[in-house]
Full PDB file with SEQRES, HELIX, SHEET, SSBOND, CRYST1, ORIGX, SCALE, CONECT and MASTER records, all heavy atoms in Angstrom:
SEQRES   1 A   35  VAL TRP THR LEU SER ALA GLU VAL GLY ASP ASN ILE VAL          
SEQRES   2 A   35  VAL ARG VAL GLY ASP GLY PRO GLY ALA ASN THR LEU ILE          
SEQRES   3 A   35  PRO TRP ILE ARG ILE PHE SER PRO SER                          
CRYST1    1.000    1.000    1.000  90.00  90.00  90.00 P 1           1          
ORIGX1      1.000000  0.000000  0.000000        0.00000                         
ORIGX2      0.000000  1.000000  0.000000        0.00000                         
ORIGX3      0.000000  0.000000  1.000000        0.00000                         
SCALE1      1.000000  0.000000  0.000000        0.00000                         
SCALE2      0.000000  1.000000  0.000000        0.00000                         
SCALE3      0.000000  0.000000  1.000000        0.00000                         
ATOM      1  N   VAL A   1       0.855  -1.179   0.010  1.00  0.00           N  
ATOM      2  CA  VAL A   1      -0.015  -0.002   0.005  1.00  0.00           C  
ATOM      3  C   VAL A   1       0.879   1.251   0.014  1.00  0.00           C  
ATOM      4  O   VAL A   1       1.774   1.399   0.844  1.00  0.00           O  
ATOM      5  CB  VAL A   1      -0.937   0.009   1.228  1.00  0.00           C  
ATOM      6  CG1 VAL A   1      -1.802   1.256   1.225  1.00  0.00           C  
ATOM      7  CG2 VAL A   1      -1.821  -1.243   1.214  1.00  0.00           C  
ATOM      8  N   TRP A   2       0.634   2.118  -0.932  1.00  0.00           N  
ATOM      9  CA  TRP A   2       1.379   3.369  -1.088  1.00  0.00           C  
ATOM     10  C   TRP A   2       0.397   4.556  -1.063  1.00  0.00           C  
ATOM     11  O   TRP A   2      -0.781   4.392  -1.357  1.00  0.00           O  
ATOM     12  CB  TRP A   2       2.138   3.404  -2.426  1.00  0.00           C  
ATOM     13  CG  TRP A   2       3.088   2.263  -2.613  1.00  0.00           C  
ATOM     14  CD1 TRP A   2       2.791   0.996  -3.010  1.00  0.00           C  
ATOM     15  CD2 TRP A   2       4.517   2.281  -2.414  1.00  0.00           C  
ATOM     16  NE1 TRP A   2       3.942   0.219  -3.083  1.00  0.00           N  
ATOM     17  CE2 TRP A   2       5.015   0.978  -2.717  1.00  0.00           C  
ATOM     18  CE3 TRP A   2       5.415   3.272  -1.990  1.00  0.00           C  
ATOM     19  CZ2 TRP A   2       6.354   0.666  -2.617  1.00  0.00           C  
ATOM     20  CZ3 TRP A   2       6.754   2.956  -1.916  1.00  0.00           C  
ATOM     21  CH2 TRP A   2       7.217   1.657  -2.200  1.00  0.00           C  
ATOM     22  N   THR A   3       0.899   5.729  -0.708  1.00  0.00           N  
ATOM     23  CA  THR A   3       0.053   6.913  -0.679  1.00  0.00           C  
ATOM     24  C   THR A   3       0.720   8.051  -1.448  1.00  0.00           C  
ATOM     25  O   THR A   3       1.942   8.103  -1.607  1.00  0.00           O  
ATOM     26  CB  THR A   3      -0.233   7.404   0.766  1.00  0.00           C  
ATOM     27  OG1 THR A   3       1.000   7.708   1.423  1.00  0.00           O  
ATOM     28  CG2 THR A   3      -0.989   6.324   1.537  1.00  0.00           C  
ATOM     29  N   LEU A   4      -0.114   8.980  -1.914  1.00  0.00           N  
ATOM     30  CA  LEU A   4       0.381  10.192  -2.562  1.00  0.00           C  
ATOM     31  C   LEU A   4      -0.632  11.313  -2.274  1.00  0.00           C  
ATOM     32  O   LEU A   4      -1.827  11.038  -2.120  1.00  0.00           O  
ATOM     33  CB  LEU A   4       0.602  10.021  -4.044  1.00  0.00           C  
ATOM     34  CG  LEU A   4      -0.615   9.693  -4.914  1.00  0.00           C  
ATOM     35  CD1 LEU A   4      -1.200  10.954  -5.534  1.00  0.00           C  
ATOM     36  CD2 LEU A   4      -0.241   8.721  -6.015  1.00  0.00           C  
ATOM     37  N   SER A   5      -0.123  12.520  -2.162  1.00  0.00           N  
ATOM     38  CA  SER A   5      -1.008  13.661  -1.950  1.00  0.00           C  
ATOM     39  C   SER A   5      -1.214  14.413  -3.231  1.00  0.00           C  
ATOM     40  O   SER A   5      -0.294  14.611  -4.026  1.00  0.00           O  
ATOM     41  CB  SER A   5      -0.386  14.588  -0.871  1.00  0.00           C  
ATOM     42  OG  SER A   5      -0.308  13.951   0.375  1.00  0.00           O  
ATOM     43  N   ALA A   6      -2.465  14.848  -3.455  1.00  0.00           N  
ATOM     44  CA  ALA A   6      -2.772  15.605  -4.654  1.00  0.00           C  
ATOM     45  C   ALA A   6      -3.850  16.663  -4.361  1.00  0.00           C  
ATOM     46  O   ALA A   6      -4.629  16.503  -3.406  1.00  0.00           O  
ATOM     47  CB  ALA A   6      -3.253  14.671  -5.778  1.00  0.00           C  
ATOM     48  N   GLU A   7      -3.888  17.659  -5.206  1.00  0.00           N  
ATOM     49  CA  GLU A   7      -4.888  18.721  -5.106  1.00  0.00           C  
ATOM     50  C   GLU A   7      -5.899  18.589  -6.248  1.00  0.00           C  
ATOM     51  O   GLU A   7      -5.610  17.942  -7.275  1.00  0.00           O  
ATOM     52  CB  GLU A   7      -4.237  20.110  -5.174  1.00  0.00           C  
ATOM     53  CG  GLU A   7      -3.187  20.348  -4.114  1.00  0.00           C  
ATOM     54  CD  GLU A   7      -3.800  20.429  -2.713  1.00  0.00           C  
ATOM     55  OE1 GLU A   7      -4.929  20.932  -2.591  1.00  0.00           O  
ATOM     56  OE2 GLU A   7      -3.096  19.995  -1.739  1.00  0.00           O  
ATOM     57  N   VAL A   8      -7.073  19.168  -6.067  1.00  0.00           N  
ATOM     58  CA  VAL A   8      -8.070  19.147  -7.114  1.00  0.00           C  
ATOM     59  C   VAL A   8      -7.496  19.633  -8.434  1.00  0.00           C  
ATOM     60  O   VAL A   8      -6.829  20.676  -8.477  1.00  0.00           O  
ATOM     61  CB  VAL A   8      -9.303  20.017  -6.738  1.00  0.00           C  
ATOM     62  CG1 VAL A   8     -10.254  20.159  -7.900  1.00  0.00           C  
ATOM     63  CG2 VAL A   8     -10.028  19.425  -5.528  1.00  0.00           C  
ATOM     64  N   GLY A   9      -7.697  18.871  -9.498  1.00  0.00           N  
ATOM     65  CA  GLY A   9      -7.208  19.237 -10.812  1.00  0.00           C  
ATOM     66  C   GLY A   9      -5.911  18.576 -11.207  1.00  0.00           C  
ATOM     67  O   GLY A   9      -5.563  18.526 -12.393  1.00  0.00           O  
ATOM     68  N   ASP A  10      -5.147  18.048 -10.207  1.00  0.00           N  
ATOM     69  CA  ASP A  10      -3.885  17.393 -10.533  1.00  0.00           C  
ATOM     70  C   ASP A  10      -4.160  16.131 -11.354  1.00  0.00           C  
ATOM     71  O   ASP A  10      -5.112  15.394 -11.109  1.00  0.00           O  
ATOM     72  CB  ASP A  10      -3.154  16.980  -9.250  1.00  0.00           C  
ATOM     73  CG  ASP A  10      -2.537  18.157  -8.525  1.00  0.00           C  
ATOM     74  OD1 ASP A  10      -2.497  19.255  -9.093  1.00  0.00           O  
ATOM     75  OD2 ASP A  10      -2.102  17.960  -7.358  1.00  0.00           O  
ATOM     76  N   ASN A  11      -3.260  15.872 -12.299  1.00  0.00           N  
ATOM     77  CA  ASN A  11      -3.323  14.631 -13.074  1.00  0.00           C  
ATOM     78  C   ASN A  11      -2.262  13.656 -12.486  1.00  0.00           C  
ATOM     79  O   ASN A  11      -1.120  14.041 -12.276  1.00  0.00           O  
ATOM     80  CB  ASN A  11      -3.039  14.875 -14.548  1.00  0.00           C  
ATOM     81  CG  ASN A  11      -4.171  14.339 -15.414  1.00  0.00           C  
ATOM     82  OD1 ASN A  11      -4.550  13.171 -15.302  1.00  0.00           O  
ATOM     83  ND2 ASN A  11      -4.718  15.162 -16.291  1.00  0.00           N  
ATOM     84  N   ILE A  12      -2.658  12.394 -12.241  1.00  0.00           N  
ATOM     85  CA  ILE A  12      -1.800  11.429 -11.590  1.00  0.00           C  
ATOM     86  C   ILE A  12      -1.618  10.238 -12.519  1.00  0.00           C  
ATOM     87  O   ILE A  12      -2.585   9.756 -13.093  1.00  0.00           O  
ATOM     88  CB  ILE A  12      -2.442  10.938 -10.264  1.00  0.00           C  
ATOM     89  CG1 ILE A  12      -2.754  12.098  -9.342  1.00  0.00           C  
ATOM     90  CG2 ILE A  12      -1.542   9.903  -9.584  1.00  0.00           C  
ATOM     91  CD1 ILE A  12      -3.728  11.773  -8.227  1.00  0.00           C  
ATOM     92  N   VAL A  13      -0.365   9.796 -12.675  1.00  0.00           N  
ATOM     93  CA  VAL A  13      -0.056   8.580 -13.443  1.00  0.00           C  
ATOM     94  C   VAL A  13       0.819   7.698 -12.556  1.00  0.00           C  
ATOM     95  O   VAL A  13       1.865   8.146 -12.057  1.00  0.00           O  
ATOM     96  CB  VAL A  13       0.690   8.899 -14.738  1.00  0.00           C  
ATOM     97  CG1 VAL A  13       0.951   7.607 -15.512  1.00  0.00           C  
ATOM     98  CG2 VAL A  13      -0.076   9.894 -15.605  1.00  0.00           C  
ATOM     99  N   VAL A  14       0.408   6.448 -12.329  1.00  0.00           N  
ATOM    100  CA  VAL A  14       1.191   5.500 -11.547  1.00  0.00           C  
ATOM    101  C   VAL A  14       1.360   4.220 -12.349  1.00  0.00           C  
ATOM    102  O   VAL A  14       0.359   3.665 -12.858  1.00  0.00           O  
ATOM    103  CB  VAL A  14       0.537   5.176 -10.203  1.00  0.00           C  
ATOM    104  CG1 VAL A  14       1.522   4.383  -9.310  1.00  0.00           C  
ATOM    105  CG2 VAL A  14       0.104   6.435  -9.484  1.00  0.00           C  
ATOM    106  N   ARG A  15       2.583   3.731 -12.483  1.00  0.00           N  
ATOM    107  CA  ARG A  15       2.847   2.557 -13.328  1.00  0.00           C  
ATOM    108  C   ARG A  15       3.695   1.565 -12.547  1.00  0.00           C  
ATOM    109  O   ARG A  15       4.606   1.940 -11.792  1.00  0.00           O  
ATOM    110  CB  ARG A  15       3.593   3.008 -14.592  1.00  0.00           C  
ATOM    111  CG  ARG A  15       3.780   1.940 -15.636  1.00  0.00           C  
ATOM    112  CD  ARG A  15       4.194   2.563 -16.956  1.00  0.00           C  
ATOM    113  NE  ARG A  15       4.542   1.604 -17.958  1.00  0.00           N  
ATOM    114  CZ  ARG A  15       3.644   0.985 -18.771  1.00  0.00           C  
ATOM    115  NH1 ARG A  15       2.356   1.242 -18.599  1.00  0.00           N  
ATOM    116  NH2 ARG A  15       4.051   0.127 -19.688  1.00  0.00           N  
ATOM    117  N   VAL A  16       3.399   0.300 -12.728  1.00  0.00           N  
ATOM    118  CA  VAL A  16       4.123  -0.789 -12.048  1.00  0.00           C  
ATOM    119  C   VAL A  16       4.572  -1.803 -13.096  1.00  0.00           C  
ATOM    120  O   VAL A  16       3.878  -2.034 -14.083  1.00  0.00           O  
ATOM    121  CB  VAL A  16       3.244  -1.463 -10.961  1.00  0.00           C  
ATOM    122  CG1 VAL A  16       2.001  -2.108 -11.574  1.00  0.00           C  
ATOM    123  CG2 VAL A  16       4.041  -2.496 -10.164  1.00  0.00           C  
ATOM    124  N   GLY A  17       5.736  -2.419 -12.868  1.00  0.00           N  
ATOM    125  CA  GLY A  17       6.244  -3.414 -13.795  1.00  0.00           C  
ATOM    126  C   GLY A  17       7.141  -4.419 -13.115  1.00  0.00           C  
ATOM    127  O   GLY A  17       7.732  -4.132 -12.069  1.00  0.00           O  
ATOM    128  N   ASP A  18       7.238  -5.610 -13.696  1.00  0.00           N  
ATOM    129  CA  ASP A  18       8.118  -6.632 -13.134  1.00  0.00           C  
ATOM    130  C   ASP A  18       9.558  -6.137 -13.046  1.00  0.00           C  
ATOM    131  O   ASP A  18      10.079  -5.494 -13.970  1.00  0.00           O  
ATOM    132  CB  ASP A  18       8.093  -7.899 -14.039  1.00  0.00           C  
ATOM    133  CG  ASP A  18       6.798  -8.655 -13.945  1.00  0.00           C  
ATOM    134  OD1 ASP A  18       6.045  -8.430 -12.954  1.00  0.00           O  
ATOM    135  OD2 ASP A  18       6.511  -9.470 -14.824  1.00  0.00           O  
ATOM    136  N   GLY A  19      10.219  -6.549 -11.955  1.00  0.00           N  
ATOM    137  CA  GLY A  19      11.617  -6.240 -11.782  1.00  0.00           C  
ATOM    138  C   GLY A  19      12.480  -7.397 -12.265  1.00  0.00           C  
ATOM    139  O   GLY A  19      11.973  -8.374 -12.806  1.00  0.00           O  
ATOM    140  N   PRO A  20      13.784  -7.290 -12.064  1.00  0.00           N  
ATOM    141  CA  PRO A  20      14.707  -8.331 -12.527  1.00  0.00           C  
ATOM    142  C   PRO A  20      14.625  -9.578 -11.650  1.00  0.00           C  
ATOM    143  O   PRO A  20      14.084  -9.572 -10.542  1.00  0.00           O  
ATOM    144  CB  PRO A  20      16.071  -7.673 -12.419  1.00  0.00           C  
ATOM    145  CG  PRO A  20      15.903  -6.671 -11.325  1.00  0.00           C  
ATOM    146  CD  PRO A  20      14.518  -6.161 -11.455  1.00  0.00           C  
ATOM    147  N   GLY A  21      15.197 -10.685 -12.141  1.00  0.00           N  
ATOM    148  CA  GLY A  21      15.259 -11.899 -11.370  1.00  0.00           C  
ATOM    149  C   GLY A  21      14.039 -12.780 -11.568  1.00  0.00           C  
ATOM    150  O   GLY A  21      13.146 -12.487 -12.350  1.00  0.00           O  
ATOM    151  N   ALA A  22      14.016 -13.901 -10.825  1.00  0.00           N  
ATOM    152  CA  ALA A  22      12.891 -14.822 -10.893  1.00  0.00           C  
ATOM    153  C   ALA A  22      11.613 -14.101 -10.498  1.00  0.00           C  
ATOM    154  O   ALA A  22      11.557 -13.444  -9.446  1.00  0.00           O  
ATOM    155  CB  ALA A  22      13.142 -16.005  -9.961  1.00  0.00           C  
ATOM    156  N   ASN A  23      10.584 -14.220 -11.348  1.00  0.00           N  
ATOM    157  CA  ASN A  23       9.379 -13.434 -11.133  1.00  0.00           C  
ATOM    158  C   ASN A  23       8.165 -14.131 -11.681  1.00  0.00           C  
ATOM    159  O   ASN A  23       8.125 -14.441 -12.879  1.00  0.00           O  
ATOM    160  CB  ASN A  23       9.547 -12.035 -11.792  1.00  0.00           C  
ATOM    161  CG  ASN A  23       8.699 -10.973 -11.172  1.00  0.00           C  
ATOM    162  OD1 ASN A  23       7.534 -11.235 -10.871  1.00  0.00           O  
ATOM    163  ND2 ASN A  23       9.246  -9.802 -10.982  1.00  0.00           N  
ATOM    164  N   THR A  24       7.180 -14.375 -10.837  1.00  0.00           N  
ATOM    165  CA  THR A  24       5.917 -14.974 -11.308  1.00  0.00           C  
ATOM    166  C   THR A  24       4.759 -13.972 -11.113  1.00  0.00           C  
ATOM    167  O   THR A  24       3.591 -14.321 -11.241  1.00  0.00           O  
ATOM    168  CB  THR A  24       5.588 -16.264 -10.551  1.00  0.00           C  
ATOM    169  OG1 THR A  24       5.533 -15.996  -9.147  1.00  0.00           O  
ATOM    170  CG2 THR A  24       6.663 -17.318 -10.821  1.00  0.00           C  
ATOM    171  N   LEU A  25       5.119 -12.738 -10.789  1.00  0.00           N  
ATOM    172  CA  LEU A  25       4.145 -11.697 -10.483  1.00  0.00           C  
ATOM    173  C   LEU A  25       3.398 -11.252 -11.738  1.00  0.00           C  
ATOM    174  O   LEU A  25       3.996 -11.010 -12.765  1.00  0.00           O  
ATOM    175  CB  LEU A  25       4.853 -10.488  -9.881  1.00  0.00           C  
ATOM    176  CG  LEU A  25       4.022  -9.363  -9.292  1.00  0.00           C  
ATOM    177  CD1 LEU A  25       3.298  -9.810  -8.030  1.00  0.00           C  
ATOM    178  CD2 LEU A  25       4.913  -8.158  -8.983  1.00  0.00           C  
ATOM    179  N   ILE A  26       2.082 -11.167 -11.650  1.00  0.00           N  
ATOM    180  CA  ILE A  26       1.241 -10.492 -12.673  1.00  0.00           C  
ATOM    181  C   ILE A  26       0.836  -9.155 -12.056  1.00  0.00           C  
ATOM    182  O   ILE A  26      -0.056  -9.057 -11.216  1.00  0.00           O  
ATOM    183  CB  ILE A  26      -0.024 -11.319 -12.994  1.00  0.00           C  
ATOM    184  CG1 ILE A  26       0.335 -12.712 -13.470  1.00  0.00           C  
ATOM    185  CG2 ILE A  26      -0.878 -10.583 -14.027  1.00  0.00           C  
ATOM    186  CD1 ILE A  26       1.092 -12.755 -14.782  1.00  0.00           C  
ATOM    187  N   PRO A  27       1.555  -8.094 -12.404  1.00  0.00           N  
ATOM    188  CA  PRO A  27       1.362  -6.788 -11.723  1.00  0.00           C  
ATOM    189  C   PRO A  27      -0.089  -6.303 -11.795  1.00  0.00           C  
ATOM    190  O   PRO A  27      -0.711  -6.284 -12.865  1.00  0.00           O  
ATOM    191  CB  PRO A  27       2.280  -5.838 -12.482  1.00  0.00           C  
ATOM    192  CG  PRO A  27       3.294  -6.739 -13.116  1.00  0.00           C  
ATOM    193  CD  PRO A  27       2.586  -7.993 -13.452  1.00  0.00           C  
ATOM    194  N   TRP A  28      -0.610  -5.924 -10.630  1.00  0.00           N  
ATOM    195  CA  TRP A  28      -1.980  -5.422 -10.502  1.00  0.00           C  
ATOM    196  C   TRP A  28      -1.928  -4.152  -9.670  1.00  0.00           C  
ATOM    197  O   TRP A  28      -1.379  -4.150  -8.560  1.00  0.00           O  
ATOM    198  CB  TRP A  28      -2.866  -6.483  -9.828  1.00  0.00           C  
ATOM    199  CG  TRP A  28      -4.311  -6.133  -9.700  1.00  0.00           C  
ATOM    200  CD1 TRP A  28      -5.017  -5.208 -10.379  1.00  0.00           C  
ATOM    201  CD2 TRP A  28      -5.263  -6.743  -8.824  1.00  0.00           C  
ATOM    202  NE1 TRP A  28      -6.335  -5.186 -10.012  1.00  0.00           N  
ATOM    203  CE2 TRP A  28      -6.532  -6.138  -9.023  1.00  0.00           C  
ATOM    204  CE3 TRP A  28      -5.164  -7.777  -7.863  1.00  0.00           C  
ATOM    205  CZ2 TRP A  28      -7.665  -6.508  -8.323  1.00  0.00           C  
ATOM    206  CZ3 TRP A  28      -6.306  -8.136  -7.158  1.00  0.00           C  
ATOM    207  CH2 TRP A  28      -7.547  -7.509  -7.414  1.00  0.00           C  
ATOM    208  N   ILE A  29      -2.484  -3.067 -10.198  1.00  0.00           N  
ATOM    209  CA  ILE A  29      -2.414  -1.800  -9.513  1.00  0.00           C  
ATOM    210  C   ILE A  29      -3.781  -1.137  -9.465  1.00  0.00           C  
ATOM    211  O   ILE A  29      -4.548  -1.214 -10.425  1.00  0.00           O  
ATOM    212  CB  ILE A  29      -1.384  -0.865 -10.152  1.00  0.00           C  
ATOM    213  CG1 ILE A  29      -1.192   0.418  -9.347  1.00  0.00           C  
ATOM    214  CG2 ILE A  29      -1.731  -0.569 -11.599  1.00  0.00           C  
ATOM    215  CD1 ILE A  29      -0.024   1.259  -9.770  1.00  0.00           C  
ATOM    216  N   ARG A  30      -4.119  -0.574  -8.305  1.00  0.00           N  
ATOM    217  CA  ARG A  30      -5.387   0.137  -8.109  1.00  0.00           C  
ATOM    218  C   ARG A  30      -5.128   1.467  -7.411  1.00  0.00           C  
ATOM    219  O   ARG A  30      -4.224   1.552  -6.586  1.00  0.00           O  
ATOM    220  CB  ARG A  30      -6.349  -0.727  -7.256  1.00  0.00           C  
ATOM    221  CG  ARG A  30      -6.909  -1.924  -7.985  1.00  0.00           C  
ATOM    222  CD  ARG A  30      -7.604  -2.925  -7.027  1.00  0.00           C  
ATOM    223  NE  ARG A  30      -6.610  -3.706  -6.283  1.00  0.00           N  
ATOM    224  CZ  ARG A  30      -6.920  -4.658  -5.415  1.00  0.00           C  
ATOM    225  NH1 ARG A  30      -8.192  -4.898  -5.157  1.00  0.00           N  
ATOM    226  NH2 ARG A  30      -5.989  -5.342  -4.792  1.00  0.00           N  
ATOM    227  N   ILE A  31      -5.957   2.453  -7.751  1.00  0.00           N  
ATOM    228  CA  ILE A  31      -5.864   3.754  -7.071  1.00  0.00           C  
ATOM    229  C   ILE A  31      -7.205   4.168  -6.547  1.00  0.00           C  
ATOM    230  O   ILE A  31      -8.215   4.058  -7.222  1.00  0.00           O  
ATOM    231  CB  ILE A  31      -5.237   4.838  -8.013  1.00  0.00           C  
ATOM    232  CG1 ILE A  31      -5.056   6.142  -7.263  1.00  0.00           C  
ATOM    233  CG2 ILE A  31      -6.095   5.030  -9.282  1.00  0.00           C  
ATOM    234  CD1 ILE A  31      -4.222   7.180  -8.036  1.00  0.00           C  
ATOM    235  N   PHE A  32      -7.185   4.626  -5.267  1.00  0.00           N  
ATOM    236  CA  PHE A  32      -8.432   5.028  -4.594  1.00  0.00           C  
ATOM    237  C   PHE A  32      -8.352   6.515  -4.233  1.00  0.00           C  
ATOM    238  O   PHE A  32      -7.301   7.024  -3.852  1.00  0.00           O  
ATOM    239  CB  PHE A  32      -8.602   4.198  -3.289  1.00  0.00           C  
ATOM    240  CG  PHE A  32      -8.790   2.731  -3.513  1.00  0.00           C  
ATOM    241  CD1 PHE A  32      -7.699   1.915  -3.663  1.00  0.00           C  
ATOM    242  CD2 PHE A  32     -10.051   2.176  -3.551  1.00  0.00           C  
ATOM    243  CE1 PHE A  32      -7.854   0.532  -3.866  1.00  0.00           C  
ATOM    244  CE2 PHE A  32     -10.238   0.814  -3.747  1.00  0.00           C  
ATOM    245  CZ  PHE A  32      -9.123  -0.025  -3.903  1.00  0.00           C  
ATOM    246  N   SER A  33      -9.500   7.186  -4.307  1.00  0.00           N  
ATOM    247  CA  SER A  33      -9.578   8.603  -3.993  1.00  0.00           C  
ATOM    248  C   SER A  33      -9.527   8.818  -2.468  1.00  0.00           C  
ATOM    249  O   SER A  33      -9.638   7.861  -1.712  1.00  0.00           O  
ATOM    250  CB  SER A  33     -10.875   9.184  -4.542  1.00  0.00           C  
ATOM    251  OG  SER A  33     -11.964   8.802  -3.733  1.00  0.00           O  
ATOM    252  N   PRO A  34      -9.341  10.062  -2.016  1.00  0.00           N  
ATOM    253  CA  PRO A  34      -9.349  10.354  -0.565  1.00  0.00           C  
ATOM    254  C   PRO A  34     -10.640   9.904   0.113  1.00  0.00           C  
ATOM    255  O   PRO A  34     -10.633   9.666   1.316  1.00  0.00           O  
ATOM    256  CB  PRO A  34      -9.174  11.870  -0.528  1.00  0.00           C  
ATOM    257  CG  PRO A  34      -8.415  12.208  -1.769  1.00  0.00           C  
ATOM    258  CD  PRO A  34      -8.967  11.274  -2.810  1.00  0.00           C  
ATOM    259  N   SER A  35     -11.727   9.795  -0.643  1.00  0.00           N  
ATOM    260  CA  SER A  35     -12.986   9.372  -0.053  1.00  0.00           C  
ATOM    261  C   SER A  35     -13.169   7.844  -0.119  1.00  0.00           C  
ATOM    262  O   SER A  35     -14.193   7.312   0.295  1.00  0.00           O  
ATOM    263  CB  SER A  35     -14.173  10.017  -0.776  1.00  0.00           C  
ATOM    264  OG  SER A  35     -14.224   9.637  -2.145  1.00  0.00           O  
TER     265      SER A  35                                                      
MASTER        0    0    0    0    0    0    0    6  264    1    0    3          
END                                                                             
């Protein structure tokens, strides 16, 4: 779980990807509003 602060009107882009090494992860990312 990660957090970021933003103001009304801000545009947000968050991206996740597999790192190096042995990896069976299927990256899944979700973003929730302050409410």
